[in-house]
Amino acid sequence: MRNILALVLTISGLIIPMAGAENEFARVPAARAEQAGRIPDGVTRADIVVLADEPEGGVANIRLPFDLEAVAQSATPLARLQLGTLEKLPVKRPGQKSTAERGALHVFAVHGPDDAGELAGSMPLKPGGLLNPYTIDVTRAVSEALARPPGQRKLTLEVRIEGKPLPYEVYGLAGGEGKSPVALEIASLEGWTDDFAQCLTPLATVATIYRESCLPLADDPRQELTLRLLHPAKRIIEVVVNATQDRLAEGRDWILRDGQLVLPPGSHAPVQLAAEFFSAPHTDKNGEVKNLPTAVRLVEGTWYHERQIEVTYEPAARDWSWPAPRSTLEQLPRLKNLLTTRAPVKLILFGDSISAGYNASKFIGVRPYQPCWGEMVARALEQSYGGKVTFMNHSRGGATSAFAAGQADAQVAWFHPDLAIIAYGMNDRAEGRREQYRANLEKIIDSVRARSPETEFLIVTSMLNNPKQPTGLDPILFIHDEALKIARPGVALADVTAAHGELLKHKNYLDLSGNGANHPNDFLHRVYAQQVLQVLIPAAAKHD
């Protein structure tokens, strides 16, 4: 067995502006990539640094020092570690069998060779056997480093595989020609302010509706367009274009008329023509690309975000009510005691792409860089109760409840969380899957409690899919009803399905969508967070 600590991949230390809107990202390469720990048996390549979690064979980590002295700002709305590609290595262990379980990739901010560090970011390991690029949000650790005095703005990040030790889970980080160098991408947004408090002020009672999203969709650009708001408006404070964050001008771009927001002809709002919007490129058998009509325009990335606007206004009246919470903090007595005594809390979010953060502006790397709902929940708990919350997001795009049941021991139970937030459903809609949904959630709870009996759970029901999809809404509503049937001690429920359904009585589906089909935009991520916080932070515990 080899103990190699000296392997170093040298990378340039220059700051390189990233392409994008006004070059808002600076790229800060790592000074080097150092091997920490012991390289496992069977690894013969010397051109890589190794990640592994095999106590018997070797636990290996990667340490990455960064110099942030040349970064101009003292805080950032988004910093992400671009780890490049991890290659699963063909390591074999006599007598051991491979498994479908996966651990989690954790990044720690460390201050010395023997420092265990503080968790700075996390995500689950992807299926092995492929070269997989990893991008991990490390905003908090980078902002803390940027806030230090000049000469002290150094940051060392250590990447580890954590969770249930698994055979064969040995990965190499390549640094050869054509591979992405390890780097931090740091957003620099002039005039950026942290609007976290406004984002989480409860929509049911707030005096000002903040950044409500709309997608302007018209049949005829020569006619004025009236947009749907949750409530009639008494005063519109601002209308902002998501793509640029530019404010639209009253009179020229928008009019308040009888409590409604009206876009006149010639408005600078990004008005979409319905005939063009509801079409998608298709390639025929001859290879010719044509735009054909489609009921659902499903597009990932920034496409919907760039076509939406956000409206901040004072409502004139409230003529409807949000659904009442189905659970309270009293159903999570151990968590309640930890929170109210300001004890440290370990929180794991275990869900699908919605929980991983898909289509939140921070996740896709565009302004205003709003976090996904899980990150907002963790931060709100810290601010409201005053204790340290360690947040691990082990959500994975495309995951079903059946997949999660097989990962629950390695990615949840092994960490002995105080609270596990379980958020599946959107990918369980297929016939045959949805009938097993409730049983799978029960398996997750049983699996976690077998190793971590004190863990409590919050089940979060899913948003609704686009009702124009061929499946309609019946499958997701069935899954919602199955979730409501789970009644166990130490298990609470946050009903996002009901909240989204109420919103859609007053808004168009695409006003709230991040991809047109089954992901939330910023506004709906905030609704997710608020529905969860209704359970975890009773009104008496809230403060500014």
Protein backbone atom coordinates (compact mmCIF):
# COMPACT_ATOMS: atom_id res chain seq x y z
CA MET A 1 0.00 0.00 0.00
CA ARG A 2 1.30 3.43 -0.96
CA ASN A 3 1.13 6.59 1.09
CA ILE A 4 1.50 9.40 -1.40
CA LEU A 5 1.05 12.97 -0.18
CA ALA A 6 3.26 14.86 -2.59
CA LEU A 7 1.44 14.52 -5.90
CA VAL A 8 0.73 18.06 -7.12
CA LEU A 9 -0.97 19.25 -10.30
CA THR A 10 0.22 22.80 -10.96
CA ILE A 11 -2.38 25.22 -12.29
CA SER A 12 -2.01 28.89 -13.23
CA GLY A 13 -2.92 31.38 -10.51
CA LEU A 14 -4.29 34.08 -12.84
CA ILE A 15 -7.83 35.44 -12.55
CA ILE A 16 -9.59 34.96 -15.88
CA PRO A 17 -12.88 36.78 -16.62
CA MET A 18 -15.65 34.35 -17.56
CA ALA A 19 -17.76 34.81 -20.67
CA GLY A 20 -21.31 35.90 -19.96
CA ALA A 21 -23.40 38.92 -19.11
CA GLU A 22 -20.96 41.76 -18.56
CA ASN A 23 -18.28 39.22 -17.54
CA GLU A 24 -19.89 38.84 -14.14
CA PHE A 25 -17.73 35.85 -13.23
CA ALA A 26 -14.06 35.82 -12.35
CA ARG A 27 -12.30 32.47 -12.62
CA VAL A 28 -9.71 31.85 -9.91
CA PRO A 29 -7.72 28.66 -10.60
CA ALA A 30 -6.37 26.64 -7.71
CA ALA A 31 -2.66 27.12 -7.11
CA ARG A 32 -2.29 23.35 -7.18
CA ALA A 33 -4.18 20.16 -6.39
CA GLU A 34 -2.59 18.31 -3.46
CA GLN A 35 -3.14 14.72 -2.46
CA ALA A 36 -4.23 14.30 1.14
CA GLY A 37 -4.69 11.00 2.94
CA ARG A 38 -3.60 7.63 1.61
CA ILE A 39 -4.06 6.50 -1.98
CA PRO A 40 -5.91 3.16 -2.00
CA ASP A 41 -4.34 -0.10 -3.02
CA GLY A 42 -4.58 -0.87 -6.69
CA VAL A 43 -4.21 2.69 -7.98
CA THR A 44 -1.25 2.74 -10.33
CA ARG A 45 -1.63 6.02 -12.19
CA ALA A 46 0.61 8.91 -11.17
CA ASP A 47 -1.06 11.58 -13.34
CA ILE A 48 -4.11 12.04 -11.11
CA VAL A 49 -5.10 12.98 -7.61
CA VAL A 50 -7.40 10.45 -6.00
CA LEU A 51 -10.68 10.55 -4.09
CA ALA A 52 -11.71 7.47 -2.11
CA ASP A 53 -13.56 6.42 1.02
CA GLU A 54 -12.28 2.93 1.79
CA PRO A 55 -11.06 2.64 5.39
CA GLU A 56 -9.58 -0.76 4.63
CA GLY A 57 -8.03 0.19 1.30
CA GLY A 58 -7.31 3.87 1.77
CA VAL A 59 -9.09 7.17 2.37
CA ALA A 60 -7.87 9.82 -0.07
CA ASN A 61 -8.87 13.48 -0.33
CA ILE A 62 -7.97 16.43 -2.57
CA ARG A 63 -6.78 19.74 -1.10
CA LEU A 64 -7.09 22.91 -3.18
CA PRO A 65 -5.53 26.23 -2.09
CA PHE A 66 -6.90 29.48 -3.58
CA ASP A 67 -5.54 33.03 -3.41
CA LEU A 68 -8.42 35.53 -3.50
CA GLU A 69 -6.36 38.70 -2.99
CA ALA A 70 -6.98 39.94 -6.53
CA VAL A 71 -10.78 39.56 -6.32
CA ALA A 72 -12.22 43.05 -6.01
CA GLN A 73 -15.40 42.52 -4.02
CA SER A 74 -15.81 41.66 -0.32
CA ALA A 75 -18.79 39.31 -0.86
CA THR A 76 -20.40 37.41 -3.69
CA PRO A 77 -23.90 36.11 -4.47
CA LEU A 78 -22.43 32.98 -6.06
CA ALA A 79 -19.15 31.10 -5.88
CA ARG A 80 -18.89 27.63 -7.33
CA LEU A 81 -16.09 25.12 -7.37
CA GLN A 82 -15.56 23.77 -10.87
CA LEU A 83 -13.94 20.48 -10.02
CA GLY A 84 -13.62 19.29 -13.59
CA THR A 85 -14.07 15.61 -14.35
CA LEU A 86 -13.88 12.71 -11.94
CA GLU A 87 -13.03 9.37 -13.50
CA LYS A 88 -14.13 6.22 -11.68
CA LEU A 89 -11.03 4.06 -11.46
CA PRO A 90 -11.04 0.29 -12.16
CA VAL A 91 -10.00 -0.74 -8.66
CA LYS A 92 -10.96 -4.26 -7.55
CA ARG A 93 -11.15 -5.73 -4.07
CA PRO A 94 -10.94 -9.53 -3.68
CA GLY A 95 -14.08 -10.92 -2.10
CA GLN A 96 -16.02 -7.64 -2.31
CA LYS A 97 -18.98 -6.99 -4.57
CA SER A 98 -19.85 -3.71 -6.18
CA THR A 99 -23.03 -1.94 -5.09
CA ALA A 100 -25.50 0.53 -6.52
CA GLU A 101 -25.12 2.72 -3.45
CA ARG A 102 -23.22 5.99 -3.75
CA GLY A 103 -21.63 8.29 -1.21
CA ALA A 104 -21.65 12.08 -1.25
CA LEU A 105 -19.05 14.56 -2.41
CA HIS A 106 -18.34 17.08 0.35
CA VAL A 107 -16.17 20.19 0.20
CA PHE A 108 -14.68 21.58 3.44
CA ALA A 109 -13.01 24.91 4.18
CA VAL A 110 -9.90 23.95 6.16
CA HIS A 111 -7.30 26.03 8.00
CA GLY A 112 -4.45 23.59 8.47
CA PRO A 113 -3.25 20.04 7.71
CA ASP A 114 -5.00 18.58 10.75
CA ASP A 115 -8.16 20.72 10.61
CA ALA A 116 -11.36 18.77 9.88
CA GLY A 117 -12.82 21.97 8.46
CA GLU A 118 -16.33 23.30 8.02
CA LEU A 119 -18.67 21.96 5.35
CA ALA A 120 -18.75 24.40 2.43
CA GLY A 121 -20.75 22.45 -0.15
CA SER A 122 -22.13 19.03 -1.03
CA MET A 123 -23.71 16.89 -3.70
CA PRO A 124 -24.21 13.15 -4.24
CA LEU A 125 -21.76 11.17 -6.30
CA LYS A 126 -22.98 10.53 -9.81
CA PRO A 127 -23.21 7.02 -11.25
CA GLY A 128 -19.75 5.59 -11.74
CA GLY A 129 -17.98 4.53 -14.87
CA LEU A 130 -18.15 7.89 -16.65
CA LEU A 131 -16.14 11.09 -16.68
CA ASN A 132 -18.43 13.35 -14.70
CA PRO A 133 -17.91 17.10 -14.24
CA TYR A 134 -18.81 18.42 -10.79
CA THR A 135 -19.87 21.97 -9.94
CA ILE A 136 -20.37 22.60 -6.21
CA ASP A 137 -21.74 25.76 -4.60
CA VAL A 138 -19.25 27.12 -2.04
CA THR A 139 -20.61 30.69 -1.79
CA ARG A 140 -20.57 31.00 1.98
CA ALA A 141 -16.95 29.89 2.41
CA VAL A 142 -15.76 32.18 -0.39
CA SER A 143 -17.68 35.19 0.96
CA GLU A 144 -16.17 34.63 4.41
CA ALA A 145 -12.69 34.59 2.86
CA LEU A 146 -13.38 37.72 0.79
CA ALA A 147 -14.49 39.58 3.91
CA ARG A 148 -11.08 39.19 5.56
CA PRO A 149 -8.48 42.01 5.58
CA PRO A 150 -5.97 42.22 2.69
CA GLY A 151 -3.20 39.67 3.05
CA GLN A 152 -5.52 37.16 4.75
CA ARG A 153 -7.83 36.37 1.84
CA LYS A 154 -6.69 32.79 1.36
CA LEU A 155 -8.97 29.80 1.15
CA THR A 156 -8.17 26.10 1.17
CA LEU A 157 -10.91 23.69 0.12
CA GLU A 158 -10.65 19.96 0.74
CA VAL A 159 -12.79 17.60 -1.32
CA ARG A 160 -13.79 14.29 0.28
CA ILE A 161 -16.05 11.36 -0.41
CA GLU A 162 -18.22 10.90 2.67
CA GLY A 163 -20.91 8.47 3.67
CA LYS A 164 -21.06 4.73 4.07
CA PRO A 165 -17.65 3.32 3.02
CA LEU A 166 -18.17 1.49 -0.24
CA PRO A 167 -15.87 -0.83 -2.20
CA TYR A 168 -14.75 0.30 -5.63
CA GLU A 169 -15.71 3.95 -5.03
CA VAL A 170 -12.30 5.26 -6.08
CA TYR A 171 -12.10 8.30 -8.36
CA GLY A 172 -9.30 10.19 -10.07
CA LEU A 173 -9.18 13.89 -10.87
CA ALA A 174 -7.42 14.34 -14.18
CA GLY A 175 -5.34 17.38 -14.96
CA GLY A 176 -4.05 16.58 -18.40
CA GLU A 177 -4.42 18.41 -21.69
CA GLY A 178 -8.00 19.17 -22.67
CA LYS A 179 -9.38 18.73 -19.14
CA SER A 180 -11.01 21.57 -17.20
CA PRO A 181 -8.66 22.94 -14.54
CA VAL A 182 -9.93 23.10 -10.98
CA ALA A 183 -11.11 26.65 -10.32
CA LEU A 184 -13.48 28.87 -8.40
CA GLU A 185 -16.00 30.87 -10.41
CA ILE A 186 -16.95 33.99 -8.42
CA ALA A 187 -19.81 36.26 -9.46
CA SER A 188 -19.16 39.97 -9.20
CA LEU A 189 -22.38 41.96 -9.47
CA GLU A 190 -22.13 45.70 -9.02
CA GLY A 191 -24.72 47.02 -6.61
CA TRP A 192 -25.82 43.54 -5.54
CA THR A 193 -27.67 43.46 -2.23
CA ASP A 194 -28.76 40.44 -0.24
CA ASP A 195 -32.57 40.36 -0.45
CA PHE A 196 -32.97 37.12 1.51
CA ALA A 197 -35.39 38.64 4.05
CA GLN A 198 -37.72 39.97 1.35
CA CYS A 199 -37.71 36.63 -0.46
CA LEU A 200 -38.95 34.76 2.60
CA THR A 201 -41.49 37.21 3.99
CA PRO A 202 -44.71 35.11 3.95
CA LEU A 203 -46.76 35.86 0.85
CA ALA A 204 -50.00 35.27 2.75
CA THR A 205 -49.52 38.28 5.04
CA VAL A 206 -46.78 40.50 3.62
CA ALA A 207 -47.65 44.13 2.90
CA THR A 208 -45.64 44.10 -0.34
CA ILE A 209 -45.58 41.21 -2.81
CA TYR A 210 -41.90 40.94 -3.73
CA ARG A 211 -40.71 39.89 -7.19
CA GLU A 212 -43.78 38.00 -8.34
CA SER A 213 -42.95 36.40 -11.68
CA CYS A 214 -44.89 36.71 -14.93
CA LEU A 215 -44.23 35.45 -18.46
CA PRO A 216 -45.69 37.95 -20.96
CA LEU A 217 -47.32 35.82 -23.67
CA ALA A 218 -49.43 37.48 -26.39
CA ASP A 219 -51.38 36.40 -29.46
CA ASP A 220 -50.96 39.80 -31.12
CA PRO A 221 -48.03 42.17 -30.41
CA ARG A 222 -50.08 45.13 -31.64
CA GLN A 223 -52.51 44.84 -28.75
CA GLU A 224 -51.96 45.61 -25.09
CA LEU A 225 -51.43 42.66 -22.80
CA THR A 226 -52.88 42.24 -19.29
CA LEU A 227 -50.83 40.05 -16.94
CA ARG A 228 -52.21 37.96 -14.10
CA LEU A 229 -51.10 38.89 -10.57
CA LEU A 230 -51.90 37.00 -7.38
CA HIS A 231 -53.83 40.00 -6.05
CA PRO A 232 -55.15 43.25 -7.51
CA ALA A 233 -52.44 45.90 -7.17
CA LYS A 234 -52.87 49.17 -5.31
CA ARG A 235 -49.39 50.39 -6.25
CA ILE A 236 -46.71 48.87 -8.44
CA ILE A 237 -43.24 49.56 -7.03
CA GLU A 238 -41.15 48.13 -9.87
CA VAL A 239 -41.21 45.80 -12.85
CA VAL A 240 -37.87 44.14 -13.63
CA VAL A 241 -36.70 42.13 -16.66
CA ASN A 242 -35.04 38.96 -15.41
CA ALA A 243 -32.49 38.71 -18.21
CA THR A 244 -30.96 42.14 -17.56
CA GLN A 245 -32.42 43.18 -14.18
CA ASP A 246 -33.41 46.45 -15.90
CA ARG A 247 -36.40 48.30 -14.49
CA LEU A 248 -39.24 48.91 -16.93
CA ALA A 249 -40.67 52.43 -17.11
CA GLU A 250 -44.21 53.26 -16.08
CA GLY A 251 -46.26 54.60 -18.96
CA ARG A 252 -43.87 53.49 -21.68
CA ASP A 253 -43.52 49.82 -20.65
CA TRP A 254 -46.37 49.20 -18.24
CA ILE A 255 -49.58 50.74 -16.88
CA LEU A 256 -51.52 50.06 -13.68
CA ARG A 257 -55.21 49.99 -14.58
CA ASP A 258 -58.00 48.87 -12.25
CA GLY A 259 -55.56 46.85 -10.15
CA GLN A 260 -54.10 45.06 -13.17
CA LEU A 261 -50.66 45.25 -14.80
CA VAL A 262 -51.02 46.18 -18.47
CA LEU A 263 -48.23 46.13 -21.08
CA PRO A 264 -48.98 48.60 -23.90
CA PRO A 265 -47.89 48.01 -27.51
CA GLY A 266 -44.20 48.81 -27.85
CA SER A 267 -43.37 47.85 -24.26
CA HIS A 268 -39.75 46.91 -23.63
CA ALA A 269 -40.94 43.88 -21.65
CA PRO A 270 -39.88 40.56 -23.25
CA VAL A 271 -43.32 39.82 -24.74
CA GLN A 272 -43.43 36.39 -26.37
CA LEU A 273 -45.66 35.60 -29.35
CA ALA A 274 -47.73 32.54 -28.53
CA ALA A 275 -47.52 31.13 -32.08
CA GLU A 276 -43.71 31.19 -31.92
CA PHE A 277 -43.43 30.32 -28.24
CA PHE A 278 -45.42 27.10 -28.51
CA SER A 279 -43.22 25.59 -31.17
CA ALA A 280 -40.07 23.54 -30.93
CA PRO A 281 -37.38 22.44 -33.37
CA HIS A 282 -37.74 18.91 -34.75
CA THR A 283 -35.40 17.12 -37.15
CA ASP A 284 -37.10 15.10 -39.88
CA LYS A 285 -35.76 11.94 -41.52
CA ASN A 286 -33.85 14.03 -44.06
CA GLY A 287 -32.05 15.91 -41.32
CA GLU A 288 -33.98 19.13 -41.92
CA VAL A 289 -34.85 21.12 -38.78
CA LYS A 290 -38.36 22.55 -38.63
CA ASN A 291 -40.32 24.34 -35.91
CA LEU A 292 -43.49 22.39 -35.18
CA PRO A 293 -46.37 23.22 -32.82
CA THR A 294 -46.11 21.83 -29.29
CA ALA A 295 -48.40 21.98 -26.27
CA VAL A 296 -45.51 22.12 -23.79
CA ARG A 297 -42.28 23.99 -24.50
CA LEU A 298 -39.80 22.19 -22.27
CA VAL A 299 -36.44 24.00 -22.23
CA GLU A 300 -33.79 23.78 -19.51
CA GLY A 301 -31.21 26.36 -18.46
CA THR A 302 -31.91 30.09 -18.59
CA TRP A 303 -34.50 30.06 -21.40
CA TYR A 304 -37.61 30.68 -19.28
CA HIS A 305 -35.79 32.91 -16.82
CA GLU A 306 -34.78 35.27 -19.64
CA ARG A 307 -38.37 35.56 -20.83
CA GLN A 308 -39.96 36.32 -17.48
CA ILE A 309 -40.38 39.57 -15.59
CA GLU A 310 -40.78 40.16 -11.85
CA VAL A 311 -43.27 42.56 -10.32
CA THR A 312 -43.09 44.10 -6.85
CA TYR A 313 -46.36 45.69 -5.72
CA GLU A 314 -48.70 46.53 -2.87
CA PRO A 315 -51.90 44.46 -3.06
CA ALA A 316 -55.19 46.35 -2.88
CA ALA A 317 -57.09 43.36 -1.48
CA ARG A 318 -56.69 39.71 -0.60
CA ASP A 319 -59.69 37.76 -1.83
CA TRP A 320 -58.28 34.24 -1.38
CA SER A 321 -56.36 32.31 1.27
CA TRP A 322 -53.38 29.98 1.22
CA PRO A 323 -53.96 26.36 2.31
CA ALA A 324 -53.38 25.85 6.02
CA PRO A 325 -50.25 23.89 7.07
CA ARG A 326 -50.80 20.16 7.58
CA SER A 327 -48.10 19.81 10.25
CA THR A 328 -46.45 21.79 13.03
CA LEU A 329 -43.07 21.78 14.73
CA GLU A 330 -44.70 19.92 17.62
CA GLN A 331 -44.60 16.79 15.44
CA LEU A 332 -40.79 17.02 15.46
CA PRO A 333 -40.12 17.26 19.21
CA ARG A 334 -36.41 16.47 19.13
CA LEU A 335 -35.76 19.01 16.39
CA LYS A 336 -37.83 21.58 18.25
CA ASN A 337 -35.69 21.13 21.35
CA LEU A 338 -32.46 21.46 19.35
CA LEU A 339 -33.65 24.61 17.58
CA THR A 340 -35.07 26.37 20.61
CA THR A 341 -31.95 25.67 22.70
CA ARG A 342 -29.69 26.91 19.85
CA ALA A 343 -27.98 23.55 19.61
CA PRO A 344 -26.25 22.58 16.35
CA VAL A 345 -28.55 20.95 13.82
CA LYS A 346 -27.53 18.61 11.01
CA LEU A 347 -29.95 18.84 8.07
CA ILE A 348 -30.02 16.69 4.92
CA LEU A 349 -32.17 17.43 1.89
CA PHE A 350 -32.83 14.23 -0.06
CA GLY A 351 -34.78 14.76 -3.26
CA ASP A 352 -34.85 15.08 -7.03
CA SER A 353 -33.80 17.85 -9.44
CA ILE A 354 -36.26 20.34 -7.91
CA SER A 355 -34.48 19.99 -4.56
CA ALA A 356 -31.06 19.97 -6.22
CA GLY A 357 -31.95 23.53 -7.22
CA TYR A 358 -32.69 23.24 -10.92
CA ASN A 359 -33.74 26.53 -12.55
CA ALA A 360 -33.20 28.68 -9.48
CA SER A 361 -31.20 31.64 -10.78
CA LYS A 362 -28.26 30.85 -8.50
CA PHE A 363 -28.20 27.26 -9.76
CA ILE A 364 -28.10 28.33 -13.41
CA GLY A 365 -25.63 31.13 -12.65
CA VAL A 366 -27.62 34.24 -13.62
CA ARG A 367 -28.92 37.31 -11.83
CA PRO A 368 -30.40 37.78 -9.25
CA TYR A 369 -28.65 34.58 -8.00
CA GLN A 370 -31.51 33.48 -5.76
CA PRO A 371 -30.70 30.20 -3.94
CA CYS A 372 -32.78 27.06 -4.23
CA TRP A 373 -35.43 26.41 -1.62
CA GLY A 374 -33.37 24.02 0.52
CA GLU A 375 -30.56 26.52 1.01
CA MET A 376 -33.09 29.20 1.94
CA VAL A 377 -34.65 26.90 4.56
CA ALA A 378 -31.28 26.14 6.18
CA ARG A 379 -30.32 29.82 6.31
CA ALA A 380 -33.71 30.82 7.72
CA LEU A 381 -33.39 28.26 10.52
CA GLU A 382 -29.99 29.68 11.50
CA GLN A 383 -31.25 33.26 11.47
CA SER A 384 -34.49 32.54 13.33
CA TYR A 385 -33.13 30.29 16.08
CA GLY A 386 -29.48 31.33 16.33
CA GLY A 387 -27.91 27.87 16.28
CA LYS A 388 -25.54 26.42 13.68
CA VAL A 389 -27.22 24.49 10.87
CA THR A 390 -25.03 22.16 8.81
CA PHE A 391 -26.83 21.72 5.50
CA MET A 392 -26.13 18.82 3.14
CA ASN A 393 -27.95 18.67 -0.17
CA HIS A 394 -27.88 15.08 -1.40
CA SER A 395 -30.57 15.59 -4.05
CA ARG A 396 -30.04 14.20 -7.53
CA GLY A 397 -31.61 15.12 -10.87
CA GLY A 398 -33.86 12.39 -12.24
CA ALA A 399 -34.10 10.52 -8.96
CA THR A 400 -37.21 8.53 -8.07
CA SER A 401 -38.37 7.40 -4.66
CA ALA A 402 -37.33 3.85 -5.58
CA PHE A 403 -33.77 5.01 -6.35
CA ALA A 404 -33.73 7.00 -3.13
CA ALA A 405 -34.77 3.98 -1.06
CA GLY A 406 -31.61 2.22 -2.22
CA GLN A 407 -29.41 5.22 -1.38
CA ALA A 408 -30.93 6.16 1.99
CA ASP A 409 -28.42 4.28 4.14
CA ALA A 410 -25.32 5.60 2.35
CA GLN A 411 -26.48 9.17 1.71
CA VAL A 412 -28.72 9.90 4.71
CA ALA A 413 -28.49 7.45 7.61
CA TRP A 414 -24.69 7.38 7.65
CA PHE A 415 -24.59 11.07 8.56
CA HIS A 416 -27.04 10.74 11.48
CA PRO A 417 -28.97 13.89 10.56
CA ASP A 418 -31.28 15.54 13.06
CA LEU A 419 -33.74 16.26 10.24
CA ALA A 420 -34.01 14.58 6.85
CA ILE A 421 -36.19 16.47 4.38
CA ILE A 422 -37.55 13.96 1.84
CA ALA A 423 -38.79 15.51 -1.41
CA TYR A 424 -39.66 13.12 -4.24
CA GLY A 425 -42.65 12.64 -6.50
CA MET A 426 -42.21 14.40 -9.84
CA ASN A 427 -40.26 11.47 -11.31
CA ASP A 428 -42.63 8.88 -9.81
CA ARG A 429 -45.58 9.77 -12.04
CA ALA A 430 -45.16 6.85 -14.46
CA GLU A 431 -47.57 3.97 -14.14
CA GLY A 432 -46.03 1.31 -11.91
CA ARG A 433 -43.85 3.82 -10.10
CA ARG A 434 -46.55 5.90 -8.46
CA GLU A 435 -48.20 2.87 -6.86
CA GLN A 436 -44.92 2.18 -5.02
CA TYR A 437 -44.29 5.77 -3.95
CA ARG A 438 -45.65 5.57 -0.41
CA ALA A 439 -43.96 2.20 0.22
CA ASN A 440 -40.66 3.67 -0.98
CA LEU A 441 -40.92 6.62 1.40
CA GLU A 442 -41.66 4.20 4.23
CA LYS A 443 -38.53 2.24 3.22
CA ILE A 444 -36.46 5.42 3.33
CA ILE A 445 -37.68 6.19 6.85
CA ASP A 446 -37.08 2.61 8.03
CA SER A 447 -33.62 2.46 6.44
CA VAL A 448 -32.50 5.71 8.03
CA ARG A 449 -33.90 4.88 11.45
CA ALA A 450 -32.21 1.48 11.44
CA ARG A 451 -28.86 3.28 11.65
CA SER A 452 -29.97 6.66 13.01
CA PRO A 453 -33.02 6.13 15.22
CA GLU A 454 -33.17 9.75 16.45
CA THR A 455 -33.54 11.26 12.98
CA GLU A 456 -36.83 13.05 12.32
CA PHE A 457 -38.35 13.61 8.90
CA LEU A 458 -40.16 16.26 6.92
CA ILE A 459 -41.88 14.99 3.77
CA VAL A 460 -42.34 17.69 1.12
CA THR A 461 -44.96 17.02 -1.54
CA SER A 462 -44.07 18.05 -5.08
CA MET A 463 -45.14 21.00 -7.17
CA LEU A 464 -47.56 20.21 -9.99
CA ASN A 465 -46.34 19.35 -13.47
CA ASN A 466 -47.64 21.25 -16.49
CA PRO A 467 -51.26 20.10 -16.88
CA LYS A 468 -50.82 20.17 -20.68
CA GLN A 469 -48.45 17.22 -20.49
CA PRO A 470 -49.95 13.93 -21.74
CA THR A 471 -50.13 12.50 -18.21
CA GLY A 472 -52.23 15.41 -16.98
CA LEU A 473 -52.35 16.03 -13.21
CA ASP A 474 -53.88 12.77 -11.98
CA PRO A 475 -50.54 10.97 -11.34
CA ILE A 476 -48.99 13.79 -9.30
CA LEU A 477 -52.23 14.26 -7.35
CA PHE A 478 -52.28 10.52 -6.60
CA ILE A 479 -48.70 10.76 -5.31
CA HIS A 480 -49.67 13.76 -3.19
CA ASP A 481 -52.54 11.84 -1.61
CA GLU A 482 -50.26 8.88 -0.90
CA ALA A 483 -47.83 11.16 0.94
CA LEU A 484 -50.64 12.41 3.17
CA LYS A 485 -51.28 8.84 4.34
CA ILE A 486 -47.85 8.54 6.01
CA ALA A 487 -48.47 9.05 9.71
CA ARG A 488 -45.60 8.19 12.06
CA PRO A 489 -44.04 9.73 15.16
CA GLY A 490 -41.33 12.20 14.26
CA VAL A 491 -42.60 12.67 10.71
CA ALA A 492 -44.14 15.96 9.51
CA LEU A 493 -45.38 17.12 6.12
CA ALA A 494 -45.13 20.32 4.05
CA ASP A 495 -47.76 20.49 1.33
CA VAL A 496 -46.30 22.27 -1.69
CA THR A 497 -48.77 20.53 -4.04
CA ALA A 498 -51.75 22.27 -2.44
CA ALA A 499 -49.97 25.65 -2.40
CA HIS A 500 -49.02 25.37 -6.07
CA GLY A 501 -52.55 24.33 -6.95
CA GLU A 502 -53.94 27.42 -5.22
CA LEU A 503 -51.43 29.66 -7.02
CA LEU A 504 -52.54 28.26 -10.38
CA LYS A 505 -56.08 29.48 -9.74
CA HIS A 506 -54.66 32.99 -10.01
CA LYS A 507 -51.57 32.61 -12.22
CA ASN A 508 -50.65 30.95 -15.49
CA TYR A 509 -48.47 27.84 -15.19
CA LEU A 510 -45.60 29.37 -17.17
CA ASP A 511 -45.48 32.39 -14.83
CA LEU A 512 -44.08 30.06 -12.16
CA SER A 513 -42.09 27.57 -14.23
CA GLY A 514 -38.36 27.28 -14.73
CA ASN A 515 -38.47 24.87 -17.66
CA GLY A 516 -42.09 24.83 -18.87
CA ALA A 517 -42.88 21.38 -17.51
CA ASN A 518 -41.78 20.34 -14.03
CA HIS A 519 -39.23 22.69 -12.43
CA PRO A 520 -39.86 25.84 -10.37
CA ASN A 521 -38.54 29.29 -11.16
CA ASP A 522 -37.21 31.64 -8.45
CA PHE A 523 -40.67 32.61 -7.26
CA LEU A 524 -41.86 29.02 -6.89
CA HIS A 525 -38.60 28.06 -5.13
CA ARG A 526 -39.54 30.74 -2.59
CA VAL A 527 -43.00 29.21 -2.23
CA TYR A 528 -41.34 25.84 -1.55
CA ALA A 529 -39.19 27.41 1.17
CA GLN A 530 -42.10 29.24 2.73
CA GLN A 531 -44.26 26.12 2.88
CA VAL A 532 -41.47 24.25 4.67
CA LEU A 533 -40.79 27.13 7.04
CA GLN A 534 -44.47 27.29 8.01
CA VAL A 535 -43.81 23.96 9.71
CA LEU A 536 -40.30 24.57 11.05
CA ILE A 537 -40.60 28.18 12.23
CA PRO A 538 -43.87 28.96 14.00
CA ALA A 539 -44.91 32.62 13.86
CA ALA A 540 -43.73 33.21 17.45
CA ALA A 541 -40.16 32.18 16.51
CA LYS A 542 -39.82 34.58 13.57
CA HIS A 543 -37.91 37.80 13.82
CA ASP A 544 -36.21 40.24 11.47
